[in-house]
Amino acid sequence: MANVKLAVIYYSSTGTNYKMAQWAEDAANKWGADVKLVRVPELAPMSAIEQNSAWKEHYLATKDQVPEAQVEDLEWADAYIFSSPTRFGTLPAQTKQFLDQAGGLWAQGKLVNKVVSAMTSAQNPHGGQEATILSLYTTMFHWGAIVVSPGYSDNSIFSGGGNPYGTSVTVDGEGNMKEDIEGAVRHQVNRTLQVAEKMVNG
């Protein structure tokens, strides 16, 4: 049986979605997948980043440590876990720009049947988490990808805030997560990989 190749693709300005992506990477490694953790390239100018100390600190700490996501990663992987914050109820420009570069692969049919699931964060419980995940899934529907939501398939979903579309977390002004979502992240990854394994191995 072939190993499942998983790309964990994240964008994080101050570190929340990076932490979620790290949990996802660890869960996938324990599951036995071939995992690639990559960050969506930053588009904001340094002048903007420097206005937020947490953003600047996280950017400088990870820019040379985590490889930038490449469109080729989308072709390589059998499955994707996306983790991205919400911006006004939809994806940040950085994540959208990365997805928009996949037109060539889409035109060649190379994104069909990729298995995908998504996670997000916001500063309040009704800050657009569900809308952000659904906006990413809209792109996946155009690709012909297989969307795997966690639903209410495990008790960890409830303790993590109860979002059936994908794990989401509320973050306070200091960047602290208000819900305990690690279990929900790990369950979501395992569920995604179980579906991906069926696709890969028939």
N, C-alpha and C. Protein backbone atom coordinates (compact mmCIF):
# COMPACT_ATOMS: atom_id res chain seq x y z
N MET A 1 0.83 -1.19 0.00
CA MET A 1 0.00 0.00 0.00
C MET A 1 0.87 1.25 0.00
N ALA A 2 0.49 2.23 -0.81
CA ALA A 2 1.27 3.45 -0.92
C ALA A 2 1.02 4.35 0.29
N ASN A 3 2.11 5.02 0.75
CA ASN A 3 1.97 6.01 1.80
C ASN A 3 1.21 7.22 1.28
N VAL A 4 0.42 7.83 2.15
CA VAL A 4 -0.28 9.06 1.79
C VAL A 4 0.69 10.22 1.93
N LYS A 5 0.73 11.07 0.91
CA LYS A 5 1.56 12.28 0.95
C LYS A 5 0.67 13.46 1.34
N LEU A 6 1.01 14.10 2.45
CA LEU A 6 0.20 15.19 2.99
C LEU A 6 1.00 16.49 3.02
N ALA A 7 0.43 17.54 2.43
CA ALA A 7 1.00 18.88 2.55
C ALA A 7 0.20 19.66 3.59
N VAL A 8 0.86 20.10 4.64
CA VAL A 8 0.25 20.98 5.63
C VAL A 8 0.65 22.40 5.23
N ILE A 9 -0.31 23.16 4.76
CA ILE A 9 -0.05 24.47 4.16
C ILE A 9 -0.70 25.53 5.05
N TYR A 10 0.10 26.44 5.58
CA TYR A 10 -0.47 27.40 6.52
C TYR A 10 -0.02 28.82 6.20
N TYR A 11 -0.85 29.77 6.65
CA TYR A 11 -0.42 31.17 6.73
C TYR A 11 -0.68 31.62 8.16
N SER A 12 0.29 32.29 8.75
CA SER A 12 0.15 32.75 10.12
C SER A 12 0.89 34.06 10.29
N SER A 13 0.20 35.07 10.80
CA SER A 13 0.88 36.34 11.02
C SER A 13 1.53 36.38 12.40
N THR A 14 0.84 35.90 13.42
CA THR A 14 1.40 35.97 14.77
C THR A 14 1.64 34.62 15.43
N GLY A 15 1.36 33.51 14.73
CA GLY A 15 1.78 32.21 15.23
C GLY A 15 0.69 31.21 15.55
N THR A 16 -0.57 31.65 15.62
CA THR A 16 -1.64 30.72 15.98
C THR A 16 -1.78 29.59 14.96
N ASN A 17 -1.90 29.94 13.69
CA ASN A 17 -2.08 28.91 12.66
C ASN A 17 -0.81 28.11 12.42
N TYR A 18 0.33 28.69 12.76
CA TYR A 18 1.57 27.92 12.71
C TYR A 18 1.52 26.80 13.75
N LYS A 19 1.05 27.13 14.95
CA LYS A 19 0.95 26.12 16.00
C LYS A 19 -0.04 25.03 15.59
N MET A 20 -1.17 25.42 15.02
CA MET A 20 -2.14 24.44 14.55
C MET A 20 -1.53 23.55 13.48
N ALA A 21 -0.74 24.15 12.58
CA ALA A 21 -0.08 23.38 11.52
C ALA A 21 0.95 22.43 12.10
N GLN A 22 1.64 22.83 13.15
CA GLN A 22 2.61 21.94 13.79
C GLN A 22 1.91 20.74 14.42
N TRP A 23 0.77 20.96 15.06
CA TRP A 23 -0.01 19.84 15.61
C TRP A 23 -0.45 18.90 14.48
N ALA A 24 -0.85 19.51 13.37
CA ALA A 24 -1.27 18.70 12.22
C ALA A 24 -0.10 17.88 11.68
N GLU A 25 1.05 18.50 11.56
CA GLU A 25 2.24 17.79 11.08
C GLU A 25 2.58 16.62 12.00
N ASP A 26 2.55 16.85 13.30
CA ASP A 26 2.88 15.81 14.26
C ASP A 26 1.88 14.66 14.18
N ALA A 27 0.59 14.99 14.09
CA ALA A 27 -0.43 13.95 13.99
C ALA A 27 -0.24 13.11 12.73
N ALA A 28 0.09 13.78 11.63
CA ALA A 28 0.29 13.06 10.37
C ALA A 28 1.52 12.17 10.42
N ASN A 29 2.58 12.65 11.04
CA ASN A 29 3.78 11.83 11.19
C ASN A 29 3.48 10.59 12.02
N LYS A 30 2.71 10.76 13.10
CA LYS A 30 2.35 9.61 13.94
C LYS A 30 1.43 8.65 13.20
N TRP A 31 0.64 9.17 12.29
CA TRP A 31 -0.24 8.33 11.49
C TRP A 31 0.55 7.51 10.47
N GLY A 32 1.73 8.02 10.09
CA GLY A 32 2.58 7.32 9.13
C GLY A 32 2.59 7.93 7.75
N ALA A 33 2.08 9.15 7.62
CA ALA A 33 2.05 9.81 6.32
C ALA A 33 3.42 10.40 5.98
N ASP A 34 3.61 10.67 4.71
CA ASP A 34 4.78 11.41 4.23
C ASP A 34 4.37 12.88 4.24
N VAL A 35 4.92 13.66 5.18
CA VAL A 35 4.40 14.99 5.48
C VAL A 35 5.36 16.09 5.04
N LYS A 36 4.78 17.15 4.52
CA LYS A 36 5.53 18.34 4.15
C LYS A 36 4.82 19.54 4.78
N LEU A 37 5.50 20.26 5.71
CA LEU A 37 4.95 21.46 6.33
C LEU A 37 5.52 22.68 5.62
N VAL A 38 4.65 23.49 5.04
CA VAL A 38 5.10 24.67 4.29
C VAL A 38 4.24 25.87 4.63
N ARG A 39 4.84 27.06 4.53
CA ARG A 39 4.13 28.29 4.84
C ARG A 39 3.85 29.08 3.57
N VAL A 40 2.67 29.67 3.54
CA VAL A 40 2.29 30.52 2.42
C VAL A 40 3.17 31.77 2.45
N PRO A 41 3.72 32.20 1.33
CA PRO A 41 4.59 33.37 1.31
C PRO A 41 3.89 34.63 1.84
N GLU A 42 4.63 35.42 2.58
CA GLU A 42 4.11 36.68 3.12
C GLU A 42 4.12 37.74 2.02
N LEU A 43 3.01 38.46 1.89
CA LEU A 43 2.89 39.52 0.89
C LEU A 43 3.01 40.91 1.49
N ALA A 44 2.75 41.02 2.79
CA ALA A 44 2.75 42.34 3.42
C ALA A 44 4.15 42.93 3.45
N PRO A 45 4.27 44.24 3.27
CA PRO A 45 5.58 44.88 3.34
C PRO A 45 6.12 44.87 4.77
N MET A 46 7.43 44.91 4.90
CA MET A 46 8.05 44.89 6.23
C MET A 46 7.58 46.08 7.06
N SER A 47 7.26 47.20 6.41
CA SER A 47 6.79 48.37 7.15
C SER A 47 5.48 48.08 7.88
N ALA A 48 4.63 47.25 7.29
CA ALA A 48 3.38 46.86 7.94
C ALA A 48 3.63 45.83 9.04
N ILE A 49 4.48 44.86 8.75
CA ILE A 49 4.80 43.82 9.73
C ILE A 49 5.40 44.42 11.00
N GLU A 50 6.26 45.40 10.83
CA GLU A 50 6.95 46.00 11.98
C GLU A 50 6.02 46.78 12.90
N GLN A 51 4.83 47.10 12.44
CA GLN A 51 3.88 47.83 13.29
C GLN A 51 3.23 46.94 14.34
N ASN A 52 3.37 45.62 14.19
CA ASN A 52 2.82 44.66 15.14
C ASN A 52 3.97 43.80 15.64
N SER A 53 4.34 43.95 16.90
CA SER A 53 5.52 43.26 17.43
C SER A 53 5.39 41.75 17.36
N ALA A 54 4.18 41.22 17.60
CA ALA A 54 3.98 39.76 17.54
C ALA A 54 4.13 39.26 16.11
N TRP A 55 3.62 40.03 15.17
CA TRP A 55 3.74 39.67 13.75
C TRP A 55 5.21 39.67 13.34
N LYS A 56 5.92 40.72 13.69
CA LYS A 56 7.34 40.83 13.35
C LYS A 56 8.14 39.68 13.96
N GLU A 57 7.88 39.41 15.24
CA GLU A 57 8.61 38.34 15.93
C GLU A 57 8.38 37.00 15.27
N HIS A 58 7.12 36.70 14.95
CA HIS A 58 6.82 35.42 14.32
C HIS A 58 7.41 35.33 12.92
N TYR A 59 7.30 36.40 12.16
CA TYR A 59 7.84 36.41 10.80
C TYR A 59 9.35 36.15 10.80
N LEU A 60 10.06 36.85 11.65
CA LEU A 60 11.52 36.69 11.70
C LEU A 60 11.93 35.31 12.21
N ALA A 61 11.13 34.76 13.11
CA ALA A 61 11.46 33.45 13.69
C ALA A 61 11.24 32.30 12.72
N THR A 62 10.35 32.47 11.75
CA THR A 62 9.99 31.34 10.88
C THR A 62 10.42 31.50 9.42
N LYS A 63 10.76 32.71 8.99
CA LYS A 63 10.98 32.93 7.56
C LYS A 63 12.14 32.11 7.00
N ASP A 64 13.10 31.76 7.83
CA ASP A 64 14.22 30.94 7.36
C ASP A 64 14.16 29.51 7.90
N GLN A 65 13.12 29.21 8.67
CA GLN A 65 13.00 27.90 9.30
C GLN A 65 11.99 27.00 8.60
N VAL A 66 10.93 27.59 8.07
CA VAL A 66 9.88 26.80 7.42
C VAL A 66 9.90 27.11 5.92
N PRO A 67 9.97 26.10 5.06
CA PRO A 67 10.00 26.36 3.61
C PRO A 67 8.72 27.04 3.13
N GLU A 68 8.88 27.92 2.14
CA GLU A 68 7.71 28.54 1.53
C GLU A 68 6.96 27.53 0.67
N ALA A 69 5.64 27.62 0.71
CA ALA A 69 4.81 26.74 -0.12
C ALA A 69 5.03 27.05 -1.60
N GLN A 70 5.12 26.01 -2.39
CA GLN A 70 5.26 26.12 -3.84
C GLN A 70 4.05 25.46 -4.49
N VAL A 71 3.67 25.94 -5.66
CA VAL A 71 2.55 25.33 -6.36
C VAL A 71 2.80 23.84 -6.60
N GLU A 72 4.06 23.49 -6.79
CA GLU A 72 4.41 22.08 -7.01
C GLU A 72 4.03 21.20 -5.83
N ASP A 73 3.95 21.78 -4.64
CA ASP A 73 3.53 21.01 -3.47
C ASP A 73 2.11 20.49 -3.63
N LEU A 74 1.28 21.24 -4.34
CA LEU A 74 -0.10 20.83 -4.56
C LEU A 74 -0.18 19.61 -5.47
N GLU A 75 0.73 19.53 -6.43
CA GLU A 75 0.77 18.37 -7.31
C GLU A 75 1.35 17.16 -6.58
N TRP A 76 2.37 17.40 -5.76
CA TRP A 76 3.05 16.32 -5.05
C TRP A 76 2.13 15.59 -4.08
N ALA A 77 1.32 16.35 -3.35
CA ALA A 77 0.55 15.78 -2.25
C ALA A 77 -0.71 15.06 -2.72
N ASP A 78 -1.08 14.04 -1.96
CA ASP A 78 -2.38 13.38 -2.15
C ASP A 78 -3.47 14.12 -1.38
N ALA A 79 -3.06 14.78 -0.31
CA ALA A 79 -4.02 15.44 0.57
C ALA A 79 -3.41 16.73 1.13
N TYR A 80 -4.30 17.65 1.50
CA TYR A 80 -3.87 18.94 2.05
C TYR A 80 -4.61 19.21 3.37
N ILE A 81 -3.89 19.77 4.31
CA ILE A 81 -4.48 20.43 5.47
C ILE A 81 -4.10 21.89 5.36
N PHE A 82 -5.09 22.76 5.25
CA PHE A 82 -4.84 24.20 5.21
C PHE A 82 -5.16 24.79 6.59
N SER A 83 -4.32 25.70 7.04
CA SER A 83 -4.59 26.44 8.27
C SER A 83 -4.31 27.91 8.00
N SER A 84 -5.35 28.73 8.16
CA SER A 84 -5.23 30.13 7.79
C SER A 84 -6.20 30.97 8.61
N PRO A 85 -5.79 32.13 9.09
CA PRO A 85 -6.71 32.97 9.85
C PRO A 85 -7.79 33.57 8.96
N THR A 86 -8.78 34.15 9.59
CA THR A 86 -9.82 34.83 8.83
C THR A 86 -9.48 36.32 8.69
N ARG A 87 -9.83 36.88 7.56
CA ARG A 87 -9.71 38.32 7.34
C ARG A 87 -11.06 38.81 6.81
N PHE A 88 -11.82 39.48 7.68
CA PHE A 88 -13.15 39.97 7.31
C PHE A 88 -14.03 38.84 6.77
N GLY A 89 -13.93 37.66 7.39
CA GLY A 89 -14.79 36.54 7.05
C GLY A 89 -14.41 35.76 5.82
N THR A 90 -13.20 35.98 5.34
CA THR A 90 -12.73 35.20 4.19
C THR A 90 -11.22 34.97 4.33
N LEU A 91 -10.61 34.36 3.32
CA LEU A 91 -9.19 34.04 3.40
C LEU A 91 -8.33 35.30 3.32
N PRO A 92 -7.18 35.31 3.99
CA PRO A 92 -6.23 36.40 3.83
C PRO A 92 -5.72 36.44 2.38
N ALA A 93 -5.29 37.60 1.95
CA ALA A 93 -4.76 37.76 0.59
C ALA A 93 -3.61 36.80 0.33
N GLN A 94 -2.80 36.55 1.36
CA GLN A 94 -1.64 35.67 1.18
C GLN A 94 -2.07 34.27 0.77
N THR A 95 -3.06 33.72 1.46
CA THR A 95 -3.54 32.37 1.14
C THR A 95 -4.25 32.35 -0.21
N LYS A 96 -5.06 33.36 -0.46
CA LYS A 96 -5.78 33.42 -1.74
C LYS A 96 -4.81 33.53 -2.91
N GLN A 97 -3.77 34.33 -2.74
CA GLN A 97 -2.77 34.48 -3.80
C GLN A 97 -2.11 33.14 -4.12
N PHE A 98 -1.81 32.37 -3.08
CA PHE A 98 -1.20 31.06 -3.29
C PHE A 98 -2.15 30.14 -4.07
N LEU A 99 -3.41 30.10 -3.66
CA LEU A 99 -4.38 29.26 -4.35
C LEU A 99 -4.57 29.69 -5.80
N ASP A 100 -4.55 31.01 -6.02
CA ASP A 100 -4.77 31.53 -7.37
C ASP A 100 -3.65 31.16 -8.35
N GLN A 101 -2.51 30.75 -7.83
CA GLN A 101 -1.40 30.37 -8.70
C GLN A 101 -1.53 28.94 -9.22
N ALA A 102 -2.56 28.24 -8.79
CA ALA A 102 -2.72 26.83 -9.15
C ALA A 102 -3.50 26.63 -10.44
N GLY A 103 -3.72 27.71 -11.19
CA GLY A 103 -4.52 27.59 -12.41
C GLY A 103 -3.96 26.61 -13.43
N GLY A 104 -2.65 26.56 -13.55
CA GLY A 104 -2.03 25.63 -14.50
C GLY A 104 -2.30 24.18 -14.13
N LEU A 105 -2.15 23.85 -12.85
CA LEU A 105 -2.43 22.49 -12.40
C LEU A 105 -3.91 22.16 -12.57
N TRP A 106 -4.77 23.13 -12.25
CA TRP A 106 -6.21 22.94 -12.41
C TRP A 106 -6.56 22.66 -13.87
N ALA A 107 -5.97 23.42 -14.79
CA ALA A 107 -6.27 23.26 -16.21
C ALA A 107 -5.84 21.89 -16.73
N GLN A 108 -4.82 21.31 -16.11
CA GLN A 108 -4.34 19.99 -16.51
C GLN A 108 -5.05 18.86 -15.78
N GLY A 109 -5.99 19.22 -14.89
CA GLY A 109 -6.73 18.20 -14.14
C GLY A 109 -5.92 17.55 -13.03
N LYS A 110 -4.83 18.20 -12.62
CA LYS A 110 -3.94 17.57 -11.63
C LYS A 110 -4.37 17.81 -10.18
N LEU A 111 -5.46 18.55 -9.98
CA LEU A 111 -5.96 18.79 -8.62
C LEU A 111 -7.23 18.01 -8.32
N VAL A 112 -7.70 17.26 -9.33
CA VAL A 112 -8.91 16.45 -9.15
C VAL A 112 -8.63 15.32 -8.16
N ASN A 113 -9.56 15.11 -7.25
CA ASN A 113 -9.52 14.03 -6.26
C ASN A 113 -8.43 14.20 -5.20
N LYS A 114 -7.84 15.38 -5.10
CA LYS A 114 -7.00 15.66 -3.94
C LYS A 114 -7.93 15.75 -2.73
N VAL A 115 -7.48 15.28 -1.59
CA VAL A 115 -8.30 15.26 -0.38
C VAL A 115 -7.88 16.45 0.49
N VAL A 116 -8.87 17.23 0.96
CA VAL A 116 -8.53 18.48 1.64
C VAL A 116 -9.42 18.75 2.85
N SER A 117 -8.81 19.37 3.86
CA SER A 117 -9.55 19.83 5.02
C SER A 117 -8.88 21.12 5.51
N ALA A 118 -9.66 21.97 6.20
CA ALA A 118 -9.15 23.30 6.55
C ALA A 118 -9.44 23.67 8.00
N MET A 119 -8.57 24.55 8.53
CA MET A 119 -8.68 25.06 9.90
C MET A 119 -8.48 26.57 9.86
N THR A 120 -8.94 27.26 10.93
CA THR A 120 -8.80 28.71 10.94
C THR A 120 -8.83 29.26 12.36
N SER A 121 -8.67 30.59 12.47
CA SER A 121 -8.71 31.28 13.76
C SER A 121 -9.26 32.68 13.56
N ALA A 122 -9.77 33.25 14.66
CA ALA A 122 -10.26 34.64 14.64
C ALA A 122 -10.23 35.18 16.07
N GLN A 123 -10.46 36.48 16.22
CA GLN A 123 -10.37 37.10 17.55
C GLN A 123 -11.65 37.01 18.36
N ASN A 124 -12.75 36.54 17.76
CA ASN A 124 -13.96 36.34 18.55
C ASN A 124 -14.75 35.18 17.96
N PRO A 125 -15.66 34.59 18.74
CA PRO A 125 -16.34 33.37 18.30
C PRO A 125 -17.15 33.52 17.01
N HIS A 126 -17.57 34.74 16.70
CA HIS A 126 -18.34 34.95 15.48
C HIS A 126 -17.57 35.84 14.51
N GLY A 127 -16.27 35.61 14.46
CA GLY A 127 -15.40 36.45 13.65
C GLY A 127 -15.17 35.96 12.24
N GLY A 128 -15.99 35.01 11.79
CA GLY A 128 -15.90 34.58 10.40
C GLY A 128 -15.23 33.25 10.17
N GLN A 129 -15.05 32.46 11.25
CA GLN A 129 -14.35 31.18 11.08
C GLN A 129 -15.03 30.27 10.05
N GLU A 130 -16.32 30.05 10.20
CA GLU A 130 -17.01 29.14 9.29
C GLU A 130 -17.00 29.67 7.86
N ALA A 131 -17.22 30.99 7.70
CA ALA A 131 -17.22 31.58 6.36
C ALA A 131 -15.84 31.46 5.71
N THR A 132 -14.79 31.60 6.51
CA THR A 132 -13.44 31.50 5.97
C THR A 132 -13.15 30.10 5.45
N ILE A 133 -13.51 29.10 6.25
CA ILE A 133 -13.30 27.72 5.82
C ILE A 133 -14.12 27.41 4.58
N LEU A 134 -15.37 27.86 4.56
CA LEU A 134 -16.21 27.61 3.40
C LEU A 134 -15.69 28.32 2.15
N SER A 135 -15.07 29.49 2.33
CA SER A 135 -14.51 30.19 1.16
C SER A 135 -13.34 29.41 0.57
N LEU A 136 -12.57 28.75 1.42
CA LEU A 136 -11.49 27.90 0.90
C LEU A 136 -12.08 26.67 0.21
N TYR A 137 -13.11 26.09 0.82
CA TYR A 137 -13.73 24.90 0.22
C TYR A 137 -14.36 25.21 -1.14
N THR A 138 -14.83 26.45 -1.33
CA THR A 138 -15.37 26.83 -2.64
C THR A 138 -14.32 26.63 -3.73
N THR A 139 -13.09 27.06 -3.45
CA THR A 139 -12.00 26.84 -4.41
C THR A 139 -11.78 25.35 -4.63
N MET A 140 -11.84 24.56 -3.55
CA MET A 140 -11.63 23.12 -3.67
C MET A 140 -12.69 22.47 -4.55
N PHE A 141 -13.93 22.96 -4.46
CA PHE A 141 -14.99 22.41 -5.31
C PHE A 141 -14.67 22.65 -6.79
N HIS A 142 -14.11 23.81 -7.09
CA HIS A 142 -13.73 24.10 -8.47
C HIS A 142 -12.58 23.20 -8.92
N TRP A 143 -11.72 22.83 -8.01
CA TRP A 143 -10.61 21.93 -8.35
C TRP A 143 -11.09 20.50 -8.58
N GLY A 144 -12.24 20.15 -8.04
CA GLY A 144 -12.67 18.75 -8.06
C GLY A 144 -12.05 17.96 -6.93
N ALA A 145 -11.62 18.67 -5.88
CA ALA A 145 -11.02 18.01 -4.72
C ALA A 145 -12.10 17.37 -3.86
N ILE A 146 -11.69 16.48 -2.97
CA ILE A 146 -12.59 15.80 -2.04
C ILE A 146 -12.47 16.49 -0.68
N VAL A 147 -13.50 17.23 -0.30
CA VAL A 147 -13.48 17.95 0.97
C VAL A 147 -13.86 17.01 2.11
N VAL A 148 -13.03 16.98 3.13
CA VAL A 148 -13.28 16.14 4.31
C VAL A 148 -13.43 17.05 5.52
N SER A 149 -14.65 17.27 5.93
CA SER A 149 -14.88 18.07 7.14
C SER A 149 -14.88 17.14 8.36
N PRO A 150 -14.56 17.66 9.55
CA PRO A 150 -14.60 16.79 10.73
C PRO A 150 -16.02 16.45 11.15
N GLY A 151 -17.01 17.32 10.77
CA GLY A 151 -18.36 17.08 11.24
C GLY A 151 -18.39 16.99 12.76
N TYR A 152 -19.27 16.14 13.28
CA TYR A 152 -19.29 15.88 14.71
C TYR A 152 -18.92 14.42 14.94
N SER A 153 -17.78 14.05 14.36
CA SER A 153 -17.36 12.65 14.35
C SER A 153 -16.53 12.24 15.55
N ASP A 154 -16.29 13.20 16.48
CA ASP A 154 -15.48 12.88 17.66
C ASP A 154 -15.80 13.91 18.74
N ASN A 155 -15.69 13.50 20.00
CA ASN A 155 -15.98 14.42 21.11
C ASN A 155 -15.03 15.61 21.15
N SER A 156 -13.83 15.46 20.58
CA SER A 156 -12.86 16.56 20.58
C SER A 156 -13.39 17.77 19.80
N ILE A 157 -14.30 17.54 18.86
CA ILE A 157 -14.88 18.64 18.10
C ILE A 157 -15.65 19.57 19.03
N PHE A 158 -16.40 18.98 19.97
CA PHE A 158 -17.20 19.77 20.90
C PHE A 158 -16.31 20.55 21.86
N SER A 159 -15.29 19.91 22.41
CA SER A 159 -14.41 20.60 23.36
C SER A 159 -13.58 21.67 22.67
N GLY A 160 -13.43 21.54 21.33
CA GLY A 160 -12.67 22.52 20.58
C GLY A 160 -13.51 23.64 20.02
N GLY A 161 -14.78 23.75 20.43
CA GLY A 161 -15.62 24.85 19.98
C GLY A 161 -16.78 24.42 19.11
N GLY A 162 -16.77 23.18 18.60
CA GLY A 162 -17.92 22.64 17.90
C GLY A 162 -18.10 23.07 16.47
N ASN A 163 -17.03 23.39 15.77
CA ASN A 163 -17.15 23.79 14.36
C ASN A 163 -17.07 22.55 13.46
N PRO A 164 -18.16 22.16 12.80
CA PRO A 164 -18.14 20.95 11.99
C PRO A 164 -17.44 21.12 10.64
N TYR A 165 -17.17 22.36 10.24
CA TYR A 165 -16.53 22.61 8.95
C TYR A 165 -15.02 22.38 9.00
N GLY A 166 -14.45 22.63 10.17
CA GLY A 166 -13.01 22.48 10.37
C GLY A 166 -12.65 23.09 11.70
N THR A 167 -11.56 22.65 12.28
CA THR A 167 -11.16 23.17 13.58
C THR A 167 -10.97 24.68 13.51
N SER A 168 -11.52 25.40 14.49
CA SER A 168 -11.32 26.84 14.57
C SER A 168 -11.10 27.22 16.03
N VAL A 169 -10.41 28.33 16.21
CA VAL A 169 -10.09 28.75 17.56
C VAL A 169 -10.24 30.26 17.68
N THR A 170 -10.61 30.70 18.89
CA THR A 170 -10.68 32.11 19.21
C THR A 170 -9.39 32.51 19.91
N VAL A 171 -8.82 33.63 19.49
CA VAL A 171 -7.53 34.07 20.02
C VAL A 171 -7.70 35.44 20.66
N ASP A 172 -7.16 35.63 21.88
CA ASP A 172 -7.28 36.92 22.54
C ASP A 172 -6.23 37.91 22.03
N GLY A 173 -6.22 39.09 22.58
CA GLY A 173 -5.32 40.14 22.10
C GLY A 173 -3.85 39.82 22.26
N GLU A 174 -3.53 38.91 23.16
CA GLU A 174 -2.14 38.50 23.35
C GLU A 174 -1.77 37.25 22.55
N GLY A 175 -2.71 36.74 21.77
CA GLY A 175 -2.43 35.58 20.94
C GLY A 175 -2.68 34.24 21.63
N ASN A 176 -3.32 34.27 22.80
CA ASN A 176 -3.61 33.03 23.52
C ASN A 176 -4.89 32.39 22.98
N MET A 177 -4.84 31.08 22.75
CA MET A 177 -6.01 30.35 22.29
C MET A 177 -7.00 30.18 23.44
N LYS A 178 -8.28 30.49 23.19
CA LYS A 178 -9.30 30.41 24.23
C LYS A 178 -9.93 29.03 24.34
N GLU A 179 -9.84 28.21 23.30
CA GLU A 179 -10.38 26.85 23.34
C GLU A 179 -9.24 25.85 23.26
N ASP A 180 -9.50 24.66 23.79
CA ASP A 180 -8.53 23.56 23.71
C ASP A 180 -8.79 22.79 22.42
N ILE A 181 -8.04 23.08 21.39
CA ILE A 181 -8.33 22.52 20.06
C ILE A 181 -7.35 21.46 19.59
N GLU A 182 -6.31 21.18 20.38
CA GLU A 182 -5.29 20.25 19.88
C GLU A 182 -5.89 18.90 19.51
N GLY A 183 -6.78 18.37 20.35
CA GLY A 183 -7.41 17.09 20.05
C GLY A 183 -8.24 17.14 18.78
N ALA A 184 -8.93 18.26 18.58
CA ALA A 184 -9.75 18.41 17.37
C ALA A 184 -8.88 18.47 16.12
N VAL A 185 -7.74 19.16 16.22
CA VAL A 185 -6.80 19.22 15.08
C VAL A 185 -6.32 17.82 14.73
N ARG A 186 -5.91 17.09 15.73
CA ARG A 186 -5.37 15.74 15.50
C ARG A 186 -6.44 14.81 14.92
N HIS A 187 -7.65 14.91 15.44
CA HIS A 187 -8.73 14.08 14.89
C HIS A 187 -9.00 14.45 13.43
N GLN A 188 -9.03 15.73 13.14
CA GLN A 188 -9.29 16.18 11.77
C GLN A 188 -8.23 15.67 10.81
N VAL A 189 -6.98 15.70 11.23
CA VAL A 189 -5.90 15.19 10.39
C VAL A 189 -6.06 13.69 10.16
N ASN A 190 -6.32 12.95 11.22
CA ASN A 190 -6.48 11.50 11.08
C ASN A 190 -7.64 11.15 10.15
N ARG A 191 -8.73 11.87 10.30
CA ARG A 191 -9.90 11.62 9.44
C ARG A 191 -9.57 11.92 7.98
N THR A 192 -8.86 13.01 7.75
CA THR A 192 -8.46 13.37 6.38
C THR A 192 -7.56 12.30 5.78
N LEU A 193 -6.63 11.81 6.57
CA LEU A 193 -5.70 10.80 6.06
C LEU A 193 -6.39 9.46 5.82
N GLN A 194 -7.38 9.13 6.63
CA GLN A 194 -8.12 7.89 6.40
C GLN A 194 -8.83 7.93 5.06
N VAL A 195 -9.44 9.07 4.74
CA VAL A 195 -10.11 9.20 3.44
C VAL A 195 -9.09 9.21 2.31
N ALA A 196 -7.98 9.93 2.52
CA ALA A 196 -6.94 10.00 1.49
C ALA A 196 -6.35 8.61 1.20
N GLU A 197 -6.20 7.80 2.24
CA GLU A 197 -5.67 6.46 2.05
C GLU A 197 -6.57 5.62 1.15
N LYS A 198 -7.87 5.78 1.34
CA LYS A 198 -8.81 5.06 0.47
C LYS A 198 -8.68 5.51 -0.98
N MET A 199 -8.46 6.80 -1.18
CA MET A 199 -8.31 7.34 -2.54
C MET A 199 -7.01 6.85 -3.17
N VAL A 200 -5.94 6.86 -2.39
CA VAL A 200 -4.63 6.49 -2.92
C VAL A 200 -4.54 5.01 -3.23
N ASN A 201 -5.10 4.19 -2.35
CA ASN A 201 -4.95 2.75 -2.48
C ASN A 201 -6.18 2.06 -3.08
N GLY A 202 -7.17 2.85 -3.44
CA GLY A 202 -8.34 2.30 -4.11
C GLY A 202 -9.20 1.46 -3.22
